N, C-alpha and C. Protein backbone atom coordinates (compact mmCIF):
# COMPACT_ATOMS: atom_id res chain seq x y z
N MET A 1 0.83 -1.20 0.00
CA MET A 1 0.00 0.00 0.00
C MET A 1 0.87 1.26 0.00
N VAL A 2 0.35 2.31 -0.62
CA VAL A 2 0.97 3.62 -0.54
C VAL A 2 -0.08 4.56 0.06
N TYR A 3 0.37 5.41 0.97
CA TYR A 3 -0.51 6.33 1.69
C TYR A 3 -0.11 7.76 1.39
N TRP A 4 -1.09 8.68 1.33
CA TRP A 4 -0.76 10.08 1.09
C TRP A 4 -1.82 11.01 1.71
N THR A 5 -1.39 12.25 1.94
CA THR A 5 -2.30 13.30 2.40
C THR A 5 -2.66 14.18 1.22
N ASP A 6 -3.84 14.78 1.26
CA ASP A 6 -4.32 15.68 0.22
C ASP A 6 -4.81 16.96 0.89
N ILE A 7 -4.01 18.03 0.77
CA ILE A 7 -4.36 19.29 1.41
C ILE A 7 -5.61 19.88 0.77
N SER A 8 -5.70 19.85 -0.55
CA SER A 8 -6.86 20.42 -1.25
C SER A 8 -8.14 19.67 -0.92
N GLY A 9 -8.06 18.36 -0.92
CA GLY A 9 -9.24 17.55 -0.63
C GLY A 9 -9.49 17.33 0.84
N ARG A 10 -8.49 17.70 1.66
CA ARG A 10 -8.59 17.51 3.11
C ARG A 10 -8.89 16.05 3.46
N THR A 11 -8.07 15.18 2.89
CA THR A 11 -8.27 13.75 3.10
C THR A 11 -6.92 13.04 3.25
N ILE A 12 -6.99 11.83 3.74
CA ILE A 12 -5.86 10.90 3.75
C ILE A 12 -6.34 9.64 3.06
N SER A 13 -5.56 9.17 2.08
CA SER A 13 -5.99 8.05 1.26
C SER A 13 -4.89 7.00 1.14
N ARG A 14 -5.25 5.87 0.55
CA ARG A 14 -4.28 4.82 0.28
C ARG A 14 -4.67 4.09 -1.00
N ALA A 15 -3.69 3.42 -1.59
CA ALA A 15 -3.94 2.63 -2.79
C ALA A 15 -2.97 1.47 -2.82
N SER A 16 -3.35 0.42 -3.49
CA SER A 16 -2.49 -0.74 -3.62
C SER A 16 -1.39 -0.48 -4.62
N LEU A 17 -0.21 -0.98 -4.35
CA LEU A 17 0.90 -0.85 -5.29
C LEU A 17 0.66 -1.68 -6.54
N GLN A 18 -0.28 -2.59 -6.51
CA GLN A 18 -0.61 -3.39 -7.68
C GLN A 18 -1.63 -2.70 -8.58
N GLY A 19 -2.10 -1.52 -8.14
CA GLY A 19 -3.06 -0.78 -8.93
C GLY A 19 -4.45 -0.84 -8.32
N GLY A 20 -5.40 -0.23 -9.00
CA GLY A 20 -6.76 -0.20 -8.49
C GLY A 20 -7.13 1.18 -8.00
N GLU A 21 -8.37 1.32 -7.60
CA GLU A 21 -8.88 2.61 -7.15
C GLU A 21 -8.38 2.93 -5.73
N PRO A 22 -8.05 4.21 -5.50
CA PRO A 22 -7.65 4.61 -4.14
C PRO A 22 -8.83 4.60 -3.18
N THR A 23 -8.50 4.47 -1.91
CA THR A 23 -9.51 4.47 -0.86
C THR A 23 -9.21 5.58 0.12
N THR A 24 -10.19 6.39 0.43
CA THR A 24 -10.04 7.43 1.45
C THR A 24 -10.25 6.81 2.81
N ILE A 25 -9.26 6.98 3.70
CA ILE A 25 -9.39 6.38 5.03
C ILE A 25 -9.71 7.41 6.11
N ILE A 26 -9.35 8.68 5.87
CA ILE A 26 -9.70 9.78 6.77
C ILE A 26 -10.27 10.91 5.94
N ALA A 27 -11.51 11.33 6.22
CA ALA A 27 -12.15 12.38 5.43
C ALA A 27 -12.81 13.45 6.28
N LEU A 28 -12.78 13.29 7.59
CA LEU A 28 -13.43 14.24 8.47
C LEU A 28 -12.43 14.91 9.40
N ASP A 29 -12.74 16.14 9.79
CA ASP A 29 -11.96 16.87 10.79
C ASP A 29 -10.49 16.98 10.39
N LEU A 30 -10.25 17.34 9.14
CA LEU A 30 -8.91 17.67 8.65
C LEU A 30 -8.97 19.06 8.04
N VAL A 31 -7.90 19.85 8.23
CA VAL A 31 -7.83 21.18 7.64
C VAL A 31 -6.68 21.28 6.66
N SER A 32 -5.48 20.94 7.11
CA SER A 32 -4.31 20.99 6.24
C SER A 32 -3.39 19.81 6.57
N PRO A 33 -3.80 18.60 6.20
CA PRO A 33 -2.95 17.44 6.47
C PRO A 33 -1.70 17.47 5.61
N GLU A 34 -0.54 17.35 6.24
CA GLU A 34 0.72 17.50 5.49
C GLU A 34 1.58 16.25 5.62
N GLY A 35 2.44 16.20 6.63
CA GLY A 35 3.34 15.06 6.76
C GLY A 35 2.61 13.78 7.12
N ILE A 36 3.19 12.65 6.72
CA ILE A 36 2.58 11.36 6.99
C ILE A 36 3.69 10.34 7.25
N ALA A 37 3.46 9.45 8.19
CA ALA A 37 4.45 8.42 8.54
C ALA A 37 3.73 7.12 8.86
N ILE A 38 4.36 6.01 8.52
CA ILE A 38 3.78 4.69 8.73
C ILE A 38 4.61 3.89 9.73
N ASP A 39 3.94 3.31 10.70
CA ASP A 39 4.54 2.34 11.62
C ASP A 39 4.10 0.97 11.14
N HIS A 40 4.95 0.31 10.37
CA HIS A 40 4.58 -0.97 9.78
C HIS A 40 4.51 -2.10 10.81
N LEU A 41 5.17 -1.91 11.94
CA LEU A 41 5.13 -2.94 12.98
C LEU A 41 3.85 -2.86 13.81
N GLY A 42 3.50 -1.66 14.21
CA GLY A 42 2.28 -1.47 14.99
C GLY A 42 1.05 -1.29 14.14
N ARG A 43 1.22 -1.20 12.81
CA ARG A 43 0.11 -1.02 11.87
C ARG A 43 -0.63 0.28 12.13
N ASN A 44 0.17 1.36 12.33
CA ASN A 44 -0.39 2.68 12.60
C ASN A 44 0.06 3.69 11.55
N ILE A 45 -0.74 4.73 11.39
CA ILE A 45 -0.41 5.85 10.52
C ILE A 45 -0.43 7.13 11.36
N PHE A 46 0.59 7.96 11.19
CA PHE A 46 0.69 9.24 11.88
C PHE A 46 0.64 10.36 10.85
N TRP A 47 0.08 11.50 11.23
CA TRP A 47 0.10 12.65 10.32
C TRP A 47 0.08 13.96 11.09
N THR A 48 0.58 15.00 10.43
CA THR A 48 0.54 16.35 10.96
C THR A 48 -0.55 17.13 10.26
N ASP A 49 -1.17 18.05 10.97
CA ASP A 49 -2.16 18.95 10.39
C ASP A 49 -1.79 20.37 10.82
N SER A 50 -1.26 21.15 9.86
CA SER A 50 -0.80 22.50 10.19
C SER A 50 -1.95 23.48 10.31
N GLY A 51 -3.16 23.08 9.90
CA GLY A 51 -4.32 23.94 10.10
C GLY A 51 -4.89 23.79 11.48
N LEU A 52 -4.89 22.58 11.99
CA LEU A 52 -5.39 22.31 13.34
C LEU A 52 -4.29 22.36 14.38
N ASP A 53 -3.03 22.43 13.92
CA ASP A 53 -1.86 22.45 14.81
C ASP A 53 -1.87 21.23 15.74
N ARG A 54 -1.91 20.07 15.12
CA ARG A 54 -1.87 18.86 15.93
C ARG A 54 -1.30 17.69 15.14
N ILE A 55 -0.93 16.66 15.89
CA ILE A 55 -0.43 15.41 15.33
C ILE A 55 -1.38 14.31 15.77
N GLU A 56 -1.80 13.48 14.81
CA GLU A 56 -2.77 12.43 15.11
C GLU A 56 -2.23 11.06 14.70
N VAL A 57 -2.92 10.04 15.18
CA VAL A 57 -2.55 8.66 14.87
C VAL A 57 -3.83 7.85 14.69
N ALA A 58 -3.76 6.86 13.82
CA ALA A 58 -4.88 5.94 13.61
C ALA A 58 -4.32 4.62 13.11
N LYS A 59 -5.15 3.61 13.08
CA LYS A 59 -4.78 2.36 12.46
C LYS A 59 -4.71 2.57 10.94
N LEU A 60 -4.09 1.65 10.24
CA LEU A 60 -3.87 1.83 8.81
C LEU A 60 -5.15 1.92 8.00
N ASP A 61 -6.27 1.47 8.58
CA ASP A 61 -7.55 1.59 7.89
C ASP A 61 -8.32 2.83 8.33
N GLY A 62 -7.69 3.68 9.17
CA GLY A 62 -8.34 4.90 9.65
C GLY A 62 -9.10 4.72 10.94
N ASP A 63 -9.17 3.51 11.44
CA ASP A 63 -9.90 3.23 12.68
C ASP A 63 -9.06 3.63 13.89
N GLN A 64 -9.71 3.76 15.03
CA GLN A 64 -9.07 4.08 16.32
C GLN A 64 -8.26 5.38 16.25
N ARG A 65 -8.79 6.36 15.58
CA ARG A 65 -8.13 7.66 15.44
C ARG A 65 -8.10 8.39 16.77
N ARG A 66 -6.97 9.03 17.05
CA ARG A 66 -6.89 9.86 18.25
C ARG A 66 -5.82 10.93 18.07
N VAL A 67 -5.95 12.02 18.82
CA VAL A 67 -4.98 13.11 18.80
C VAL A 67 -3.82 12.74 19.70
N LEU A 68 -2.62 12.81 19.13
CA LEU A 68 -1.42 12.50 19.90
C LEU A 68 -0.90 13.75 20.59
N PHE A 69 -0.83 14.86 19.83
CA PHE A 69 -0.37 16.14 20.38
C PHE A 69 -1.22 17.27 19.81
N SER A 70 -1.61 18.19 20.67
CA SER A 70 -2.35 19.37 20.23
C SER A 70 -1.87 20.65 20.91
N ASP A 71 -0.87 20.53 21.77
CA ASP A 71 -0.35 21.71 22.46
C ASP A 71 1.09 21.98 22.02
N ASP A 72 1.48 23.25 22.10
CA ASP A 72 2.83 23.68 21.77
C ASP A 72 3.23 23.29 20.35
N LEU A 73 2.28 23.39 19.42
CA LEU A 73 2.54 23.19 18.01
C LEU A 73 2.01 24.40 17.26
N VAL A 74 2.80 24.95 16.35
CA VAL A 74 2.39 26.13 15.58
C VAL A 74 2.15 25.79 14.12
N ASN A 75 3.04 25.04 13.53
CA ASN A 75 2.89 24.66 12.13
C ASN A 75 3.61 23.34 11.88
N PRO A 76 3.10 22.26 12.44
CA PRO A 76 3.77 20.96 12.25
C PRO A 76 3.78 20.57 10.78
N ARG A 77 4.91 20.10 10.31
CA ARG A 77 5.05 19.86 8.87
C ARG A 77 5.43 18.40 8.60
N ALA A 78 6.70 18.09 8.57
CA ALA A 78 7.14 16.73 8.24
C ALA A 78 7.10 15.83 9.48
N ILE A 79 6.94 14.53 9.24
CA ILE A 79 6.93 13.56 10.33
C ILE A 79 7.47 12.24 9.82
N VAL A 80 8.28 11.58 10.63
CA VAL A 80 8.82 10.26 10.28
C VAL A 80 8.78 9.38 11.52
N ALA A 81 8.72 8.07 11.27
CA ALA A 81 8.67 7.10 12.37
C ALA A 81 9.87 6.16 12.29
N ASP A 82 10.32 5.74 13.45
CA ASP A 82 11.34 4.71 13.57
C ASP A 82 10.71 3.56 14.35
N PRO A 83 9.96 2.70 13.66
CA PRO A 83 9.21 1.65 14.37
C PRO A 83 10.08 0.70 15.17
N VAL A 84 11.29 0.41 14.70
CA VAL A 84 12.15 -0.54 15.40
C VAL A 84 12.46 -0.06 16.82
N HIS A 85 12.74 1.23 16.96
CA HIS A 85 13.07 1.78 18.27
C HIS A 85 11.88 2.49 18.92
N GLY A 86 10.76 2.53 18.22
CA GLY A 86 9.55 3.10 18.80
C GLY A 86 9.55 4.61 18.91
N ASN A 87 10.26 5.30 18.01
CA ASN A 87 10.37 6.75 18.08
C ASN A 87 9.64 7.45 16.94
N LEU A 88 9.20 8.66 17.23
CA LEU A 88 8.54 9.51 16.26
C LEU A 88 9.29 10.84 16.22
N TYR A 89 9.45 11.42 15.01
CA TYR A 89 10.14 12.70 14.85
C TYR A 89 9.29 13.60 13.96
N TRP A 90 9.28 14.90 14.26
CA TRP A 90 8.53 15.84 13.42
C TRP A 90 9.15 17.23 13.47
N THR A 91 8.86 18.01 12.44
CA THR A 91 9.32 19.39 12.39
C THR A 91 8.15 20.32 12.67
N ASP A 92 8.46 21.47 13.25
CA ASP A 92 7.47 22.53 13.48
C ASP A 92 7.98 23.78 12.79
N TRP A 93 7.26 24.19 11.77
CA TRP A 93 7.64 25.31 10.92
C TRP A 93 7.21 26.63 11.55
N ASN A 94 7.43 26.76 12.86
CA ASN A 94 7.10 27.98 13.60
C ASN A 94 8.16 29.03 13.29
N ARG A 95 7.78 30.11 12.61
CA ARG A 95 8.76 31.12 12.21
C ARG A 95 9.43 31.79 13.41
N ALA A 96 8.71 31.90 14.52
CA ALA A 96 9.27 32.55 15.70
C ALA A 96 10.21 31.61 16.46
N ALA A 97 9.92 30.33 16.44
CA ALA A 97 10.74 29.38 17.20
C ALA A 97 10.66 28.00 16.54
N PRO A 98 11.28 27.84 15.38
CA PRO A 98 11.24 26.54 14.70
C PRO A 98 11.96 25.48 15.52
N LYS A 99 11.52 24.23 15.36
CA LYS A 99 12.11 23.16 16.15
C LYS A 99 11.85 21.81 15.50
N ILE A 100 12.63 20.84 15.92
CA ILE A 100 12.42 19.45 15.57
C ILE A 100 12.24 18.70 16.88
N GLU A 101 11.14 17.97 16.98
CA GLU A 101 10.82 17.28 18.22
C GLU A 101 10.81 15.76 18.02
N THR A 102 10.76 15.06 19.13
CA THR A 102 10.70 13.61 19.11
C THR A 102 9.88 13.12 20.30
N SER A 103 9.37 11.93 20.19
CA SER A 103 8.66 11.27 21.30
C SER A 103 8.62 9.79 21.01
N TYR A 104 8.16 9.03 21.99
CA TYR A 104 7.83 7.64 21.70
C TYR A 104 6.55 7.63 20.87
N MET A 105 6.29 6.55 20.18
CA MET A 105 5.14 6.52 19.29
C MET A 105 3.80 6.47 20.02
N ASP A 106 3.83 6.24 21.33
CA ASP A 106 2.59 6.31 22.11
C ASP A 106 2.34 7.71 22.64
N GLY A 107 3.23 8.66 22.29
CA GLY A 107 3.06 10.05 22.70
C GLY A 107 3.79 10.42 23.98
N THR A 108 4.41 9.47 24.65
CA THR A 108 5.14 9.78 25.87
C THR A 108 6.57 10.21 25.54
N ASN A 109 7.22 10.77 26.53
CA ASN A 109 8.62 11.19 26.43
C ASN A 109 8.84 12.20 25.29
N ARG A 110 7.94 13.15 25.17
CA ARG A 110 8.09 14.21 24.17
C ARG A 110 9.19 15.18 24.59
N ARG A 111 10.06 15.55 23.63
CA ARG A 111 11.14 16.48 23.93
C ARG A 111 11.63 17.14 22.64
N VAL A 112 12.27 18.29 22.80
CA VAL A 112 12.83 19.02 21.66
C VAL A 112 14.20 18.43 21.34
N LEU A 113 14.39 18.08 20.09
CA LEU A 113 15.65 17.50 19.65
C LEU A 113 16.59 18.57 19.10
N VAL A 114 16.06 19.49 18.27
CA VAL A 114 16.85 20.57 17.69
C VAL A 114 16.02 21.85 17.76
N LYS A 115 16.60 22.94 18.25
CA LYS A 115 15.92 24.22 18.28
C LYS A 115 16.81 25.39 17.86
N ASP A 116 18.11 25.18 17.79
CA ASP A 116 19.04 26.25 17.45
C ASP A 116 19.39 26.22 15.97
N ASP A 117 19.58 27.42 15.42
CA ASP A 117 20.04 27.56 14.04
C ASP A 117 19.14 26.82 13.06
N LEU A 118 17.84 27.03 13.21
CA LEU A 118 16.86 26.51 12.28
C LEU A 118 16.12 27.67 11.64
N GLY A 119 15.59 27.46 10.43
CA GLY A 119 14.83 28.49 9.75
C GLY A 119 13.42 28.02 9.46
N LEU A 120 13.29 27.24 8.41
CA LEU A 120 12.00 26.68 8.01
C LEU A 120 12.19 25.18 7.73
N PRO A 121 12.28 24.38 8.77
CA PRO A 121 12.52 22.94 8.55
C PRO A 121 11.32 22.27 7.88
N ASN A 122 11.55 21.83 6.67
CA ASN A 122 10.48 21.22 5.88
C ASN A 122 10.59 19.71 5.88
N GLY A 123 11.46 19.17 5.02
CA GLY A 123 11.59 17.73 4.88
C GLY A 123 12.31 17.09 6.06
N LEU A 124 12.01 15.82 6.26
CA LEU A 124 12.60 15.07 7.37
C LEU A 124 12.69 13.62 6.97
N THR A 125 13.80 12.97 7.31
CA THR A 125 13.94 11.55 7.01
C THR A 125 14.83 10.90 8.07
N TYR A 126 14.55 9.66 8.36
CA TYR A 126 15.36 8.90 9.32
C TYR A 126 15.99 7.72 8.60
N ASP A 127 17.31 7.60 8.74
CA ASP A 127 18.05 6.49 8.15
C ASP A 127 18.27 5.45 9.24
N PRO A 128 17.55 4.34 9.22
CA PRO A 128 17.67 3.35 10.29
C PRO A 128 19.00 2.61 10.29
N TYR A 129 19.69 2.59 9.16
CA TYR A 129 20.96 1.86 9.08
C TYR A 129 22.11 2.68 9.67
N ALA A 130 22.14 3.97 9.36
CA ALA A 130 23.16 4.85 9.93
C ALA A 130 22.70 5.44 11.26
N ALA A 131 21.41 5.26 11.60
CA ALA A 131 20.82 5.80 12.83
C ALA A 131 21.01 7.31 12.92
N VAL A 132 20.65 8.01 11.85
CA VAL A 132 20.71 9.47 11.84
C VAL A 132 19.40 10.04 11.34
N LEU A 133 19.08 11.21 11.85
CA LEU A 133 17.90 11.97 11.44
C LEU A 133 18.38 13.15 10.60
N CYS A 134 17.81 13.31 9.41
CA CYS A 134 18.23 14.39 8.51
C CYS A 134 17.04 15.26 8.16
N TRP A 135 17.30 16.54 7.93
CA TRP A 135 16.21 17.46 7.58
C TRP A 135 16.66 18.46 6.51
N ALA A 136 15.66 18.96 5.79
CA ALA A 136 15.86 19.99 4.77
C ALA A 136 15.25 21.28 5.30
N ASP A 137 16.04 22.36 5.29
CA ASP A 137 15.61 23.63 5.87
C ASP A 137 15.59 24.70 4.78
N ALA A 138 14.39 25.19 4.45
CA ALA A 138 14.25 26.21 3.41
C ALA A 138 14.66 27.59 3.90
N GLY A 139 14.77 27.75 5.22
CA GLY A 139 15.20 29.04 5.76
C GLY A 139 16.71 29.17 5.76
N THR A 140 17.40 28.16 6.25
CA THR A 140 18.87 28.19 6.26
C THR A 140 19.45 27.71 4.94
N GLN A 141 18.59 27.12 4.10
CA GLN A 141 18.99 26.59 2.78
C GLN A 141 20.05 25.49 2.92
N ARG A 142 19.80 24.61 3.90
CA ARG A 142 20.76 23.54 4.16
C ARG A 142 20.06 22.20 4.34
N LEU A 143 20.83 21.14 4.11
CA LEU A 143 20.49 19.80 4.53
C LEU A 143 21.41 19.46 5.68
N GLU A 144 20.85 18.97 6.79
CA GLU A 144 21.65 18.63 7.95
C GLU A 144 21.22 17.29 8.52
N CYS A 145 22.10 16.69 9.29
CA CYS A 145 21.81 15.42 9.96
C CYS A 145 22.29 15.47 11.40
N ILE A 146 21.69 14.64 12.22
CA ILE A 146 22.09 14.57 13.63
C ILE A 146 21.76 13.17 14.14
N ASN A 147 22.52 12.74 15.12
CA ASN A 147 22.17 11.50 15.82
C ASN A 147 20.98 11.78 16.73
N PRO A 148 20.06 10.86 16.88
CA PRO A 148 18.90 11.10 17.74
C PRO A 148 19.25 11.37 19.19
N ASN A 149 20.48 11.07 19.60
CA ASN A 149 20.89 11.38 20.97
C ASN A 149 21.41 12.81 21.09
N ARG A 150 21.17 13.62 20.03
CA ARG A 150 21.51 15.05 20.00
C ARG A 150 22.99 15.33 19.81
N THR A 151 23.74 14.36 19.34
CA THR A 151 25.17 14.58 19.10
C THR A 151 25.45 14.46 17.60
N GLY A 152 26.60 14.97 17.20
CA GLY A 152 27.07 14.79 15.84
C GLY A 152 26.30 15.55 14.79
N ARG A 153 25.74 16.73 15.12
CA ARG A 153 25.04 17.51 14.10
C ARG A 153 26.01 17.93 13.01
N LYS A 154 25.60 17.73 11.76
CA LYS A 154 26.51 17.96 10.65
C LYS A 154 25.78 18.53 9.45
N ARG A 155 26.38 19.56 8.83
CA ARG A 155 25.84 20.11 7.59
C ARG A 155 26.27 19.23 6.44
N ILE A 156 25.31 18.76 5.68
CA ILE A 156 25.58 17.89 4.55
C ILE A 156 25.68 18.70 3.26
N LEU A 157 24.79 19.67 3.11
CA LEU A 157 24.76 20.49 1.90
C LEU A 157 24.20 21.86 2.26
N GLN A 158 24.77 22.92 1.71
CA GLN A 158 24.26 24.26 1.96
C GLN A 158 24.22 25.05 0.66
N GLY A 159 23.51 26.17 0.70
CA GLY A 159 23.40 27.00 -0.49
C GLY A 159 22.34 26.54 -1.47
N ILE A 160 21.48 25.60 -1.06
CA ILE A 160 20.37 25.19 -1.93
C ILE A 160 19.25 26.22 -1.80
N GLN A 161 18.27 26.16 -2.66
CA GLN A 161 17.32 27.26 -2.76
C GLN A 161 16.11 27.12 -1.82
N TYR A 162 15.21 26.18 -2.10
CA TYR A 162 14.03 26.02 -1.26
C TYR A 162 13.69 24.53 -1.13
N PRO A 163 14.49 23.79 -0.37
CA PRO A 163 14.22 22.36 -0.22
C PRO A 163 12.90 22.11 0.49
N PHE A 164 12.21 21.08 0.06
CA PHE A 164 10.90 20.81 0.67
C PHE A 164 10.81 19.36 1.14
N GLY A 165 10.55 18.43 0.23
CA GLY A 165 10.46 17.03 0.63
C GLY A 165 11.81 16.35 0.55
N MET A 166 12.00 15.31 1.34
CA MET A 166 13.26 14.57 1.28
C MET A 166 13.06 13.15 1.79
N THR A 167 13.98 12.29 1.37
CA THR A 167 14.04 10.93 1.88
C THR A 167 15.48 10.44 1.74
N SER A 168 15.78 9.30 2.30
CA SER A 168 17.12 8.73 2.19
C SER A 168 17.01 7.29 1.74
N TYR A 169 18.04 6.88 1.02
CA TYR A 169 18.13 5.49 0.59
C TYR A 169 19.60 5.17 0.37
N GLY A 170 20.05 4.14 1.07
CA GLY A 170 21.46 3.79 0.95
C GLY A 170 22.35 4.92 1.44
N ARG A 171 23.31 5.30 0.60
CA ARG A 171 24.25 6.36 0.98
C ARG A 171 23.84 7.73 0.45
N TYR A 172 22.59 7.86 0.01
CA TYR A 172 22.16 9.11 -0.61
C TYR A 172 20.96 9.73 0.09
N LEU A 173 20.92 11.06 0.07
CA LEU A 173 19.74 11.83 0.42
C LEU A 173 19.11 12.31 -0.89
N TYR A 174 17.81 12.22 -0.97
CA TYR A 174 17.08 12.74 -2.12
C TYR A 174 16.16 13.86 -1.63
N TYR A 175 16.12 14.97 -2.37
CA TYR A 175 15.26 16.07 -1.94
C TYR A 175 14.69 16.81 -3.14
N THR A 176 13.54 17.45 -2.90
CA THR A 176 12.93 18.29 -3.91
C THR A 176 13.19 19.75 -3.56
N ASP A 177 13.20 20.60 -4.59
CA ASP A 177 13.50 22.02 -4.41
C ASP A 177 12.45 22.82 -5.18
N TRP A 178 11.60 23.56 -4.46
CA TRP A 178 10.54 24.33 -5.10
C TRP A 178 11.08 25.37 -6.08
N ARG A 179 12.21 25.99 -5.75
CA ARG A 179 12.72 27.07 -6.59
C ARG A 179 13.34 26.57 -7.88
N ARG A 180 13.48 25.27 -8.02
CA ARG A 180 14.03 24.71 -9.25
C ARG A 180 12.93 24.19 -10.16
N CYS A 181 11.69 24.59 -9.87
CA CYS A 181 10.55 24.10 -10.65
C CYS A 181 10.27 24.94 -11.89
N SER A 182 10.80 26.17 -11.95
CA SER A 182 10.36 27.12 -12.96
C SER A 182 10.57 26.62 -14.39
N ASN A 183 11.67 25.94 -14.65
CA ASN A 183 11.94 25.50 -16.01
C ASN A 183 10.99 24.40 -16.48
N ARG A 184 10.36 23.69 -15.54
CA ARG A 184 9.49 22.59 -15.92
C ARG A 184 8.07 22.78 -15.41
N PHE A 185 7.76 23.96 -14.97
CA PHE A 185 6.47 24.21 -14.34
C PHE A 185 5.31 23.89 -15.28
N HIS A 186 5.43 24.27 -16.54
CA HIS A 186 4.31 24.08 -17.46
C HIS A 186 4.07 22.61 -17.79
N GLN A 187 5.08 21.79 -17.60
CA GLN A 187 4.90 20.37 -17.81
C GLN A 187 4.42 19.67 -16.53
N GLY A 188 4.35 20.45 -15.45
CA GLY A 188 3.85 19.89 -14.20
C GLY A 188 4.88 19.10 -13.42
N PHE A 189 6.17 19.29 -13.72
CA PHE A 189 7.20 18.55 -13.00
C PHE A 189 8.13 19.52 -12.29
N CYS A 190 8.71 19.04 -11.19
CA CYS A 190 9.75 19.77 -10.49
C CYS A 190 11.06 19.01 -10.63
N ASP A 191 12.16 19.74 -10.59
CA ASP A 191 13.45 19.08 -10.55
C ASP A 191 13.65 18.45 -9.18
N SER A 192 14.32 17.34 -9.16
CA SER A 192 14.74 16.74 -7.89
C SER A 192 16.24 16.55 -7.96
N ALA A 193 16.84 16.40 -6.82
CA ALA A 193 18.30 16.25 -6.79
C ALA A 193 18.65 15.20 -5.76
N MET A 194 19.84 14.67 -5.88
CA MET A 194 20.33 13.74 -4.87
C MET A 194 21.71 14.17 -4.46
N TYR A 195 22.07 13.87 -3.25
CA TYR A 195 23.38 14.26 -2.76
C TYR A 195 23.93 13.16 -1.87
N TYR A 196 25.22 12.94 -2.00
CA TYR A 196 25.87 11.91 -1.20
C TYR A 196 25.80 12.25 0.28
N LYS A 197 25.40 11.31 1.09
CA LYS A 197 25.27 11.51 2.52
C LYS A 197 26.46 10.90 3.24
N GLU A 198 27.27 11.73 3.85
CA GLU A 198 28.37 11.21 4.64
C GLU A 198 27.85 10.74 6.00
N SER A 199 28.53 9.82 6.59
CA SER A 199 28.11 9.30 7.89
C SER A 199 28.33 10.34 8.96
N VAL A 200 27.37 10.49 9.87
CA VAL A 200 27.54 11.38 11.01
C VAL A 200 27.58 10.58 12.30
N ALA A 201 27.62 9.28 12.16
CA ALA A 201 27.64 8.43 13.36
C ALA A 201 28.98 8.55 14.07
């Protein structure tokens, strides 16, 4: 299955990788659903809603929905899960005090992981093999990584324009850049880029 959020439709949906019609699993009480993360072990889906300023969780079919966090959030954006270690990570695009937070996936042990020298943290990805958390910041125009224990923060790439989404695979970080869309805008495509990820462990 592949899962996605739809800001325009205010829905969360899924579809089979083998094809077929998509199914809407969440269609009520959403304003601006953005980031989405899957816990394949617990069979849960997490998402951020920057309109409601909260983070929610439900089963993969949309059942047993509940609010995980609704306080001290201004503009939650990206979210990723580390099911093996039971951790959740998310960015808050608060212009006055941007931050990256973490908690256990049941909502306990919430704490700020990064709060200094951030601008507009958009994309977020966790590499379970290198055990590092990486983010794309459209304010500082950098890609950075850190160990979840708050050590080893490292700039991977700087001077990029407006990074938004990102993921990691193997030794590479992949990210999208909104400001590089102009040449292909009429065709409906954006440029994407990849960059070698050095170990920060």
